[in-house]
Protein backbone atom coordinates (compact mmCIF):
# COMPACT_ATOMS: atom_id res chain seq x y z
CA MET A 1 242.77 32.61 251.03
CA ILE A 2 245.17 32.94 248.13
CA ARG A 3 246.00 36.38 247.11
CA GLY A 4 247.61 37.92 243.96
CA SER A 5 248.64 41.06 242.53
CA CYS A 6 250.22 42.88 239.48
CA LEU A 7 253.74 44.21 239.85
CA CYS A 8 252.77 48.03 240.56
CA GLY A 9 250.07 46.51 242.83
CA GLY A 10 247.41 48.49 241.66
CA ILE A 11 245.29 45.09 240.69
CA ARG A 12 244.76 43.20 243.60
CA PHE A 13 242.39 39.92 243.68
CA GLU A 14 241.78 36.83 245.96
CA ILE A 15 241.07 33.20 245.34
CA SER A 16 238.99 31.24 248.25
CA GLY A 17 239.79 27.62 247.97
CA ARG A 18 241.70 25.66 245.47
CA VAL A 19 243.44 26.18 242.30
CA THR A 20 243.97 23.80 239.18
CA PRO A 21 247.26 21.94 238.99
CA ILE A 22 249.75 24.26 236.95
CA GLN A 23 249.83 23.55 233.23
CA ILE A 24 253.04 24.46 231.49
CA CYS A 25 252.18 25.98 228.11
CA HIS A 26 255.29 26.07 225.33
CA ALA A 27 253.07 27.80 222.55
CA ARG A 28 254.61 30.15 220.65
CA ARG A 29 251.62 32.48 221.49
CA CYS A 30 252.61 31.90 225.15
CA GLN A 31 256.13 32.65 224.66
CA LYS A 32 255.60 36.20 223.19
CA THR A 33 252.82 37.08 225.83
CA THR A 34 255.38 36.11 228.86
CA GLY A 35 258.53 36.99 227.04
CA SER A 36 259.81 33.75 228.51
CA ALA A 37 260.10 29.99 227.29
CA PHE A 38 256.64 29.08 228.73
CA ALA A 39 253.62 30.20 230.56
CA PRO A 40 252.83 28.55 233.79
CA GLU A 41 248.78 28.38 233.77
CA ALA A 42 246.39 27.46 236.40
CA ALA A 43 242.91 28.36 237.12
CA CYS A 44 239.98 28.77 239.65
CA ARG A 45 236.47 28.32 239.82
CA ALA A 46 234.82 32.03 238.78
CA ASP A 47 232.58 31.90 241.91
CA ARG A 48 235.67 31.61 244.30
CA PHE A 49 237.57 34.79 242.57
CA ARG A 50 237.07 38.30 243.91
CA TRP A 51 238.83 41.60 242.66
CA ILE A 52 240.09 43.47 245.49
CA ALA A 53 241.10 46.55 243.69
CA GLY A 54 242.10 47.94 240.47
CA GLU A 55 239.62 46.33 238.12
CA ASP A 56 239.49 49.49 236.17
CA LEU A 57 243.17 49.35 235.33
CA ILE A 58 242.68 46.03 233.56
CA GLN A 59 243.44 46.19 229.75
CA VAL A 60 242.65 43.44 227.14
CA TYR A 61 243.99 42.25 224.39
CA GLU A 62 242.09 39.82 222.14
CA ALA A 63 244.43 38.28 219.13
CA PRO A 64 242.75 37.26 215.97
CA LEU A 65 242.59 33.53 215.68
CA LEU A 66 245.70 32.57 213.60
CA ARG A 67 245.08 29.03 212.57
CA GLU A 68 242.51 27.58 214.98
CA PRO A 69 240.58 28.23 218.37
CA PRO A 70 240.92 28.76 221.19
CA PRO A 71 240.99 32.48 220.67
CA LEU A 72 243.83 34.24 222.56
CA ARG A 73 242.58 36.65 225.08
CA ARG A 74 245.48 38.44 227.58
CA ASP A 75 244.33 40.63 230.27
CA PHE A 76 247.14 42.90 231.70
CA CYS A 77 247.77 45.88 233.77
CA ARG A 78 247.76 48.91 231.96
CA VAL A 79 250.23 50.95 234.29
CA CYS A 80 253.06 48.11 234.87
CA GLY A 81 252.19 45.62 231.73
CA SER A 82 251.68 42.65 234.36
CA PRO A 83 249.37 39.85 233.35
CA VAL A 84 246.34 39.61 235.34
CA PRO A 85 243.36 36.76 235.83
CA VAL A 86 240.99 36.39 232.89
CA VAL A 87 237.48 36.41 233.95
CA ARG A 88 235.12 35.43 231.12
CA GLU A 89 231.40 35.81 231.24
CA ASP A 90 231.06 32.12 229.20
CA SER A 91 233.34 30.05 231.56
CA ASP A 92 232.98 28.52 235.22
CA PHE A 93 236.93 29.22 235.69
CA VAL A 94 239.07 32.30 235.94
CA GLY A 95 242.60 31.46 234.20
CA PHE A 96 245.95 33.18 235.15
CA MET A 97 249.49 32.89 235.05
CA VAL A 98 250.89 31.52 238.22
CA GLY A 99 253.53 33.99 238.75
CA VAL A 100 251.00 36.78 239.54
CA LEU A 101 250.06 34.97 242.83
CA ASP A 102 251.43 36.49 246.02
CA ASP A 103 250.83 33.51 247.97
CA ASP A 104 251.59 29.44 247.54
CA PRO A 105 248.52 28.08 245.62
CA GLY A 106 249.46 24.72 247.09
CA SER A 107 249.43 23.08 243.42
CA ARG A 108 252.38 22.11 241.15
CA PRO A 109 253.17 21.87 237.36
CA PHE A 110 251.41 18.35 236.22
CA ARG A 111 252.03 18.51 232.45
CA HIS A 112 253.67 20.34 229.40
CA ILE A 113 251.68 21.18 226.25
CA PHE A 114 252.50 22.40 223.14
CA LEU A 115 255.90 21.14 223.26
CA GLY A 116 255.78 20.87 219.29
CA GLN A 117 256.45 24.83 219.59
CA ARG A 118 259.01 24.77 222.29
CA ALA A 119 261.89 27.32 222.06
CA ALA A 120 264.90 25.75 220.68
CA TRP A 121 266.75 26.94 223.86
CA ASP A 122 264.25 25.77 226.66
CA GLU A 123 265.24 22.07 227.94
CA LEU A 124 262.91 20.07 230.32
CA SER A 125 264.39 18.20 233.29
CA ASP A 126 261.36 17.00 234.48
CA ASP A 127 259.10 13.69 233.66
CA LEU A 128 255.68 15.57 233.48
CA PRO A 129 253.36 14.41 230.89
CA ARG A 130 253.71 16.05 227.59
CA PHE A 131 251.71 16.80 224.63
CA ASP A 132 253.01 18.12 221.29
CA GLU A 133 249.74 20.03 220.92
CA ARG A 134 246.69 20.61 223.30
CA PRO A 135 245.89 18.12 225.58
CA PRO A 136 242.85 15.43 224.53
CA ALA A 137 239.68 17.43 224.94
CA ASP A 138 238.50 14.96 227.77
CA GLN A 139 241.52 16.50 229.94
CA ARG A 140 240.93 20.20 229.35
CA LEU A 141 238.73 22.49 231.75
CA PRO A 142 235.28 22.86 230.49
CA GLN A 143 234.46 25.88 228.36
CA ARG A 144 231.03 26.91 228.98
CA ARG A 145 229.47 28.41 232.05
CA SER A 146 226.81 25.52 233.40
CA SER A 147 223.52 26.95 233.57
């Protein structure tokens, strides 16, 4: 079991099973939503995710599309502002920033994406695969919930 929570502890969740490898996103909008050089993103199967407490504290922000899909949606705790997992009805996966996990997920970073938007002061020191934009379609999680 992998547990997670927001900073104030009002929102808590658990994941039974594995999470995806961690994707390091350097997109400008990820920089803005994290206040950092990148967003460490992962996902789990929706049927392996469960809210424990605080679901009523979740605030949703959906940004307008600026140039192209996918749309940006960020869910966060309305008390402390921490990002929390995004549960979407149209996906088999729940996405989240790995920093909200309380336990070691067992997975590690496997690639960098949107390096074309990387912050000037962000220096990479690993040899993970790198993409200037998003990875090829066949290397992304499926978007639609299966029937």
